[in-house]
Amino acid sequence: MQLSLLDRARTRAGEPDAAALTGTVARAALAEQLGYDRFWVAEHHGVPGVAGSAPAVLLAAIAGRTTTVRLGSAGVMLPHHQPLVVAEQFATLSALAPGRVDLGLGRSPGFTAPVRRALRSTDEHDFAGDLAELRAFLTGSAEITAYPRPTTAVPMYVLATGQGLQVAAELGLPVIVGGPLLGVAGDPEPGLAALAGYRRDYRPNEQAPQPRVAISLDVLVADSAAEASDLLLPEAWAMAQARTTGAFPPLEPVAGIRARTLSARQQSYVDQTAAAAIAGTPAQVASRLTELIERTGAAELVASSSTHDRAALAASDAALAGVLGHSHTDR
C-alpha cells in the first residue's frame, strides 16, 4: 500500500493567496520527511478557495525543495490544454526530477460558465482521444516528437468517475477514484461494480501491464474524535457555502464557524461532507481505512485533506503516516 497526499493549495481567510502556495511547498517537504510515497497537486480555475491553478509550475517549485518523494498532478484538466503542451510540460518536469513525476489527468470542464468561457472550454473534447495522443507524445510514438524527450517514463493516471473508469480500462491506464464511488457515506455496491468492470475490461500494455486503483478522500487524524471533527469542519463549511452560494471560499477558522448559526440546509451539506471523510483517532482511522482498502483492492491511498490550522494539518499528516506505517509497497 502506497500512501500519498493531495494538496489543492487551499487559501485561508485573511491570508494572501501566495501563502497557500508556499504552504503547499512546505507540506510537500514535510511529507517527504514523513515517508509519504507521492505528493499530488490539483488544477482549479477561478476558485477563490484554491490557489492551485498551474500544477506543472507548482510541481517544479516542489521538485526544488524535495529529493525522493514522487510528484504528481491530480490532476491536469485535459479539456483545457493541448496534449502536446502537457507532454512538454511534464517531460520538462521529468528531466528536472528524473523518475519522480506522475501525470494525473481529469476532464472537468470548469467550475462555472464564465470560467469555461475564459478557458475556451467546450463539451466537445474527445477525452479518450486526447489521452491516447498525450501518451503517444510521452512514449515517443507520435507523429512529431515532444521535447525534451523523456529519459524515464512519466506514468499517466486517470481521475475517474464511472465513465472515466471505462475510458481508463480501454486505454490501459491506472485510475484515481473518489467521491460516491468509494461508498464511504452510502451504498458501496455501485462503486465496487464499477471497479470490477474496470479490472475486467482493462487492456494491459507495456507502460501499465496491470490495472491499478488509487482511492482519494479526506482523511484527518487527531488525538480525539472531537478534535478530528474540528479539523474537518473548515472544508465541510466551504463545501456547504459552495453548494448554497455557488462560490467555493477560503478556509475559515473553526471558532468562527462554530459561532455561526447554520441553516438546516447548510448543516445538512456540512454533515454530508463530513460523512464522506474518514476522521478520528489513530485507531479509528486505521480500522476504517483498512476496511476501505480491502473492499476496493486499492494500491494507494491519496489523502486529500485540508484544514485551516496548518500546524494541526501537519500533525494529522504525521499521524496518518504512523497509522499506515512506512513499509509501503506497490500491489
Protein backbone atom coordinates (compact mmCIF):
# COMPACT_ATOMS: atom_id res chain seq x y z
CA MET A 1 0.00 0.00 0.00
CA GLN A 2 1.35 3.36 -1.06
CA LEU A 3 0.48 6.50 0.87
CA SER A 4 0.12 9.92 -0.75
CA LEU A 5 -1.17 13.41 -0.07
CA LEU A 6 -3.23 15.59 -2.41
CA ASP A 7 -2.91 19.32 -1.71
CA ARG A 8 -5.05 21.79 -3.64
CA ALA A 9 -3.24 24.87 -2.26
CA ARG A 10 -6.31 25.92 -0.27
CA THR A 11 -6.46 29.59 0.55
CA ARG A 12 -7.27 30.77 4.06
CA ALA A 13 -9.34 33.73 5.19
CA GLY A 14 -7.15 36.72 5.95
CA GLU A 15 -4.06 35.35 4.17
CA PRO A 16 -2.67 36.32 0.75
CA ASP A 17 -3.10 33.68 -1.93
CA ALA A 18 0.69 33.29 -2.12
CA ALA A 19 0.66 31.83 1.40
CA ALA A 20 -1.36 28.89 0.10
CA LEU A 21 1.33 28.09 -2.46
CA THR A 22 4.26 28.40 -0.06
CA GLY A 23 2.29 26.30 2.41
CA THR A 24 1.85 23.58 -0.20
CA VAL A 25 5.58 23.51 -0.94
CA ALA A 26 6.36 23.28 2.78
CA ARG A 27 3.81 20.49 3.22
CA ALA A 28 5.42 18.52 0.40
CA ALA A 29 8.83 18.82 2.04
CA LEU A 30 7.35 17.54 5.31
CA ALA A 31 5.57 14.71 3.50
CA GLU A 32 8.93 13.56 2.16
CA GLN A 33 10.39 13.58 5.68
CA LEU A 34 7.41 11.58 6.95
CA GLY A 35 7.91 8.87 4.33
CA TYR A 36 4.98 9.57 2.03
CA ASP A 37 5.37 7.94 -1.37
CA ARG A 38 3.80 10.66 -3.50
CA PHE A 39 2.60 14.27 -3.30
CA TRP A 40 -0.17 15.34 -5.66
CA VAL A 41 -1.33 18.85 -6.59
CA ALA A 42 -4.50 19.93 -8.37
CA GLU A 43 -5.76 22.31 -11.05
CA HIS A 44 -8.65 24.69 -10.40
CA HIS A 45 -9.50 27.94 -12.17
CA GLY A 46 -11.39 30.97 -10.91
CA VAL A 47 -11.99 29.42 -7.47
CA PRO A 48 -11.47 31.82 -4.54
CA GLY A 49 -10.68 28.98 -2.15
CA VAL A 50 -7.96 27.38 -4.28
CA ALA A 51 -4.66 28.92 -5.37
CA GLY A 52 -3.54 25.79 -7.23
CA SER A 53 -4.22 26.70 -10.85
CA ALA A 54 -0.92 25.71 -12.51
CA PRO A 55 0.13 22.21 -11.42
CA ALA A 56 3.25 21.97 -13.59
CA VAL A 57 4.59 25.24 -12.17
CA LEU A 58 3.81 24.26 -8.59
CA LEU A 59 5.38 20.82 -9.05
CA ALA A 60 8.55 22.46 -10.35
CA ALA A 61 8.76 24.50 -7.14
CA ILE A 62 8.21 21.38 -5.05
CA ALA A 63 10.84 19.47 -7.02
CA GLY A 64 13.36 22.11 -5.99
CA ARG A 65 12.59 21.50 -2.30
CA THR A 66 12.49 17.69 -2.33
CA THR A 67 14.67 14.82 -3.49
CA THR A 68 12.85 11.49 -3.11
CA VAL A 69 9.06 11.86 -2.89
CA ARG A 70 7.24 11.31 -6.18
CA LEU A 71 5.40 14.33 -7.57
CA GLY A 72 2.09 14.17 -9.38
CA SER A 73 -0.82 16.17 -10.76
CA ALA A 74 -4.28 15.13 -9.65
CA GLY A 75 -4.95 16.36 -11.97
CA VAL A 76 -4.33 18.32 -15.11
CA MET A 77 -7.74 19.01 -16.64
CA LEU A 78 -7.10 17.85 -20.18
CA PRO A 79 -10.04 19.66 -21.86
CA HIS A 80 -8.26 22.94 -21.03
CA HIS A 81 -4.97 22.04 -22.73
CA GLN A 82 -3.38 20.76 -25.91
CA PRO A 83 -1.92 17.28 -25.31
CA LEU A 84 1.42 18.31 -26.83
CA VAL A 85 1.81 21.19 -24.36
CA VAL A 86 1.00 18.92 -21.41
CA ALA A 87 3.52 16.36 -22.68
CA GLU A 88 6.20 19.04 -22.98
CA GLN A 89 5.50 20.40 -19.51
CA PHE A 90 5.70 17.02 -17.81
CA ALA A 91 8.66 15.87 -19.87
CA THR A 92 10.40 19.02 -18.63
CA LEU A 93 9.47 18.18 -15.04
CA SER A 94 10.73 14.64 -15.55
CA ALA A 95 14.03 15.95 -16.89
CA LEU A 96 14.42 18.10 -13.77
CA ALA A 97 13.27 15.38 -11.34
CA PRO A 98 14.05 12.08 -13.11
CA GLY A 99 11.92 9.11 -12.11
CA ARG A 100 9.75 11.15 -9.76
CA VAL A 101 6.98 12.61 -11.94
CA ASP A 102 3.43 11.28 -12.42
CA LEU A 103 0.73 12.77 -14.62
CA GLY A 104 -2.84 12.50 -13.36
CA LEU A 105 -5.49 13.72 -15.79
CA GLY A 106 -9.12 14.72 -15.42
CA ARG A 107 -11.89 16.00 -17.64
CA SER A 108 -13.64 18.68 -15.57
CA PRO A 109 -14.75 21.46 -17.94
CA GLY A 110 -14.59 24.21 -15.29
CA PHE A 111 -16.39 25.29 -12.14
CA THR A 112 -18.67 27.95 -13.68
CA ALA A 113 -19.81 29.04 -17.13
CA PRO A 114 -17.62 32.20 -17.11
CA VAL A 115 -14.57 30.09 -16.22
CA ARG A 116 -15.37 27.65 -19.02
CA ARG A 117 -15.62 30.53 -21.47
CA ALA A 118 -12.33 32.02 -20.27
CA LEU A 119 -10.65 28.63 -20.74
CA ARG A 120 -12.19 28.27 -24.23
CA SER A 121 -13.65 25.01 -22.93
CA THR A 122 -16.43 23.12 -24.70
CA ASP A 123 -18.27 19.85 -24.22
CA GLU A 124 -16.87 18.52 -27.49
CA HIS A 125 -13.49 17.33 -26.23
CA ASP A 126 -12.57 13.74 -27.04
CA PHE A 127 -11.12 12.78 -23.67
CA ALA A 128 -10.13 9.27 -24.73
CA GLY A 129 -8.55 10.58 -27.92
CA ASP A 130 -6.66 13.29 -26.04
CA LEU A 131 -5.36 10.73 -23.54
CA ALA A 132 -4.15 8.46 -26.34
CA GLU A 133 -2.48 11.38 -28.12
CA LEU A 134 -0.79 12.53 -24.93
CA ARG A 135 0.55 9.06 -24.22
CA ALA A 136 1.93 8.87 -27.75
CA PHE A 137 3.85 12.10 -27.17
CA LEU A 138 5.24 10.87 -23.86
CA THR A 139 6.27 7.47 -25.23
CA GLY A 140 7.79 8.83 -28.44
CA SER A 141 5.31 7.08 -30.73
CA ALA A 142 3.55 10.21 -32.03
CA GLU A 143 3.98 11.70 -35.48
CA ILE A 144 6.06 14.52 -34.01
CA THR A 145 8.48 14.45 -31.09
CA ALA A 146 7.78 16.22 -27.81
CA TYR A 147 10.88 17.83 -26.37
CA PRO A 148 12.64 17.33 -24.09
CA ARG A 149 12.44 13.62 -24.83
CA PRO A 150 11.78 11.79 -21.54
CA THR A 151 14.64 9.55 -20.42
CA THR A 152 12.43 7.99 -17.74
CA ALA A 153 8.75 7.08 -18.03
CA VAL A 154 6.07 9.58 -16.99
CA PRO A 155 3.22 7.36 -15.73
CA MET A 156 -0.29 8.56 -16.56
CA TYR A 157 -3.32 8.24 -14.27
CA VAL A 158 -6.99 8.99 -14.91
CA LEU A 159 -9.10 10.77 -12.30
CA ALA A 160 -12.08 8.56 -12.88
CA THR A 161 -15.81 8.56 -12.45
CA GLY A 162 -17.98 5.78 -13.85
CA GLN A 163 -17.45 6.79 -17.48
CA GLY A 164 -13.81 7.66 -16.84
CA LEU A 165 -13.20 4.16 -15.49
CA GLN A 166 -14.29 2.67 -18.79
CA VAL A 167 -12.03 5.02 -20.75
CA ALA A 168 -9.11 4.14 -18.48
CA ALA A 169 -9.76 0.42 -18.90
CA GLU A 170 -9.87 0.66 -22.68
CA LEU A 171 -6.61 2.64 -22.77
CA GLY A 172 -4.90 0.57 -20.09
CA LEU A 173 -4.32 3.37 -17.58
CA PRO A 174 -4.26 3.40 -13.75
CA VAL A 175 -7.06 5.28 -12.01
CA ILE A 176 -7.61 7.53 -9.01
CA VAL A 177 -11.18 7.28 -7.72
CA GLY A 178 -13.04 9.16 -5.02
CA GLY A 179 -16.40 10.55 -4.06
CA PRO A 180 -19.55 8.40 -4.22
CA LEU A 181 -17.69 5.56 -5.97
CA LEU A 182 -15.96 4.76 -2.66
CA GLY A 183 -19.25 4.25 -0.85
CA VAL A 184 -17.93 5.79 2.37
CA ALA A 185 -21.17 7.68 3.01
CA GLY A 186 -23.56 5.44 1.10
CA ASP A 187 -24.07 2.17 -0.72
CA PRO A 188 -20.65 0.73 -1.72
CA GLU A 189 -22.04 -1.73 -4.26
CA PRO A 190 -22.26 0.58 -7.33
CA GLY A 191 -18.65 1.64 -6.84
CA LEU A 192 -17.48 -1.92 -6.37
CA ALA A 193 -19.28 -2.94 -9.56
CA ALA A 194 -17.63 -0.07 -11.45
CA LEU A 195 -14.18 -1.06 -10.16
CA ALA A 196 -14.83 -4.68 -11.07
CA GLY A 197 -15.74 -3.58 -14.59
CA TYR A 198 -12.54 -1.54 -14.83
CA ARG A 199 -10.42 -4.53 -13.81
CA ARG A 200 -12.35 -6.89 -16.09
CA ASP A 201 -12.06 -4.70 -19.18
CA TYR A 202 -8.52 -3.49 -18.58
CA ARG A 203 -6.22 -3.69 -21.59
CA PRO A 204 -2.64 -4.37 -20.46
CA ASN A 205 0.19 -2.50 -22.13
CA GLU A 206 3.92 -2.02 -21.75
CA GLN A 207 3.59 1.11 -19.63
CA ALA A 208 0.88 -0.27 -17.31
CA PRO A 209 0.64 -4.07 -17.56
CA GLN A 210 -1.95 -4.39 -14.75
CA PRO A 211 -4.98 -2.40 -13.59
CA ARG A 212 -4.20 -0.16 -10.64
CA VAL A 213 -6.61 1.67 -8.35
CA ALA A 214 -5.78 4.55 -6.02
CA ILE A 215 -8.52 5.85 -3.73
CA SER A 216 -8.81 9.50 -2.73
CA LEU A 217 -10.76 11.05 0.14
CA ASP A 218 -10.37 13.39 3.08
CA VAL A 219 -8.53 11.68 5.95
CA LEU A 220 -7.74 13.53 9.17
CA VAL A 221 -6.21 12.15 12.36
CA ALA A 222 -6.19 13.74 15.82
CA ASP A 223 -5.89 12.74 19.46
CA SER A 224 -9.67 12.59 19.86
CA ALA A 225 -12.69 12.16 17.62
CA ALA A 226 -13.89 15.64 18.60
CA GLU A 227 -10.59 17.22 17.55
CA ALA A 228 -10.70 15.33 14.25
CA SER A 229 -14.24 16.59 13.68
CA ASP A 230 -12.99 20.14 14.20
CA LEU A 231 -10.27 19.56 11.61
CA LEU A 232 -12.92 18.52 9.08
CA LEU A 233 -15.18 21.48 9.73
CA PRO A 234 -13.45 24.23 7.67
CA GLU A 235 -13.52 22.16 4.47
CA ALA A 236 -17.07 20.95 5.15
CA TRP A 237 -18.23 24.54 5.71
CA ALA A 238 -16.54 25.69 2.50
CA MET A 239 -18.32 22.91 0.60
CA ALA A 240 -21.63 23.91 2.14
CA GLN A 241 -21.07 27.50 1.03
CA ALA A 242 -20.19 26.35 -2.47
CA ARG A 243 -23.40 24.35 -2.71
CA THR A 244 -25.59 27.16 -1.40
CA THR A 245 -23.93 30.22 -2.99
CA GLY A 246 -22.00 28.81 -5.96
CA ALA A 247 -18.66 30.15 -4.67
CA PHE A 248 -16.04 27.90 -3.05
CA PRO A 249 -14.43 30.19 -0.44
CA PRO A 250 -11.17 30.26 1.53
CA LEU A 251 -10.95 28.13 4.66
CA GLU A 252 -12.17 29.78 7.86
CA PRO A 253 -11.06 29.11 11.46
CA VAL A 254 -13.08 26.56 13.41
CA ALA A 255 -14.06 29.02 16.14
CA GLY A 256 -15.63 31.40 13.65
CA ILE A 257 -17.64 28.62 12.03
CA ARG A 258 -18.82 27.31 15.41
CA ALA A 259 -20.03 30.81 16.25
CA ARG A 260 -22.31 30.88 13.21
CA THR A 261 -25.92 29.80 13.18
CA LEU A 262 -26.16 27.47 10.21
CA SER A 263 -29.39 26.95 8.33
CA ALA A 264 -30.78 23.43 8.16
CA ARG A 265 -29.67 23.25 4.55
CA GLN A 266 -26.14 24.41 5.35
CA GLN A 267 -25.86 21.96 8.25
CA SER A 268 -27.04 19.14 6.00
CA TYR A 269 -24.29 19.91 3.50
CA VAL A 270 -21.68 20.10 6.27
CA ASP A 271 -22.83 16.71 7.55
CA GLN A 272 -22.70 15.18 4.07
CA THR A 273 -19.11 16.30 3.52
CA ALA A 274 -18.07 15.00 6.94
CA ALA A 275 -19.77 11.67 6.32
CA ALA A 276 -17.76 11.14 3.12
CA ALA A 277 -14.47 11.60 5.00
CA ILE A 278 -12.57 9.41 7.44
CA ALA A 279 -11.58 11.24 10.60
CA GLY A 280 -10.85 10.23 14.16
CA THR A 281 -8.20 8.88 16.45
CA PRO A 282 -5.35 6.79 15.00
CA ALA A 283 -7.14 3.58 15.97
CA GLN A 284 -10.45 4.71 14.48
CA VAL A 285 -8.86 5.84 11.23
CA ALA A 286 -6.79 2.67 10.94
CA SER A 287 -9.89 0.50 11.29
CA ARG A 288 -11.94 2.38 8.71
CA LEU A 289 -9.08 2.69 6.22
CA THR A 290 -8.25 -1.00 6.48
CA GLU A 291 -11.85 -1.90 5.64
CA LEU A 292 -11.99 0.55 2.72
CA ILE A 293 -8.66 -0.55 1.27
CA GLU A 294 -9.60 -4.22 1.49
CA ARG A 295 -13.02 -3.58 -0.05
CA THR A 296 -11.70 -1.61 -3.02
CA GLY A 297 -8.43 -3.50 -3.53
CA ALA A 298 -6.65 -0.16 -3.64
CA ALA A 299 -2.91 0.01 -4.24
CA GLU A 300 -2.64 3.59 -2.97
CA LEU A 301 -4.38 5.92 -0.55
CA VAL A 302 -4.44 9.57 -1.62
CA ALA A 303 -5.41 11.68 1.40
CA SER A 304 -6.92 14.89 0.04
CA SER A 305 -7.20 16.56 3.43
CA SER A 306 -7.19 20.25 4.24
CA THR A 307 -8.00 22.36 7.29
CA HIS A 308 -7.50 25.96 8.38
CA ASP A 309 -4.88 25.28 11.08
CA ARG A 310 -1.62 24.45 9.29
CA ALA A 311 0.06 23.07 12.42
CA ALA A 312 -2.88 20.75 13.07
CA LEU A 313 -2.77 19.63 9.43
CA ALA A 314 0.93 18.82 9.74
CA ALA A 315 0.23 16.83 12.91
CA SER A 316 -2.54 14.94 11.10
CA ASP A 317 -0.20 14.13 8.21
CA ALA A 318 2.37 12.78 10.67
CA ALA A 319 -0.25 10.72 12.49
CA LEU A 320 -1.61 9.27 9.24
CA ALA A 321 1.88 8.21 8.20
CA GLY A 322 2.14 6.42 11.53
CA VAL A 323 -1.26 4.79 11.15
CA LEU A 324 -0.33 3.13 7.86
CA GLY A 325 3.35 2.67 8.64
CA HIS A 326 6.28 3.34 6.37
CA SER A 327 6.60 -0.02 4.60
CA HIS A 328 4.57 0.96 1.53
CA THR A 329 4.89 -1.29 -1.47
CA ASP A 330 3.06 -1.38 -4.77
CA ARG A 331 0.49 -4.10 -5.29
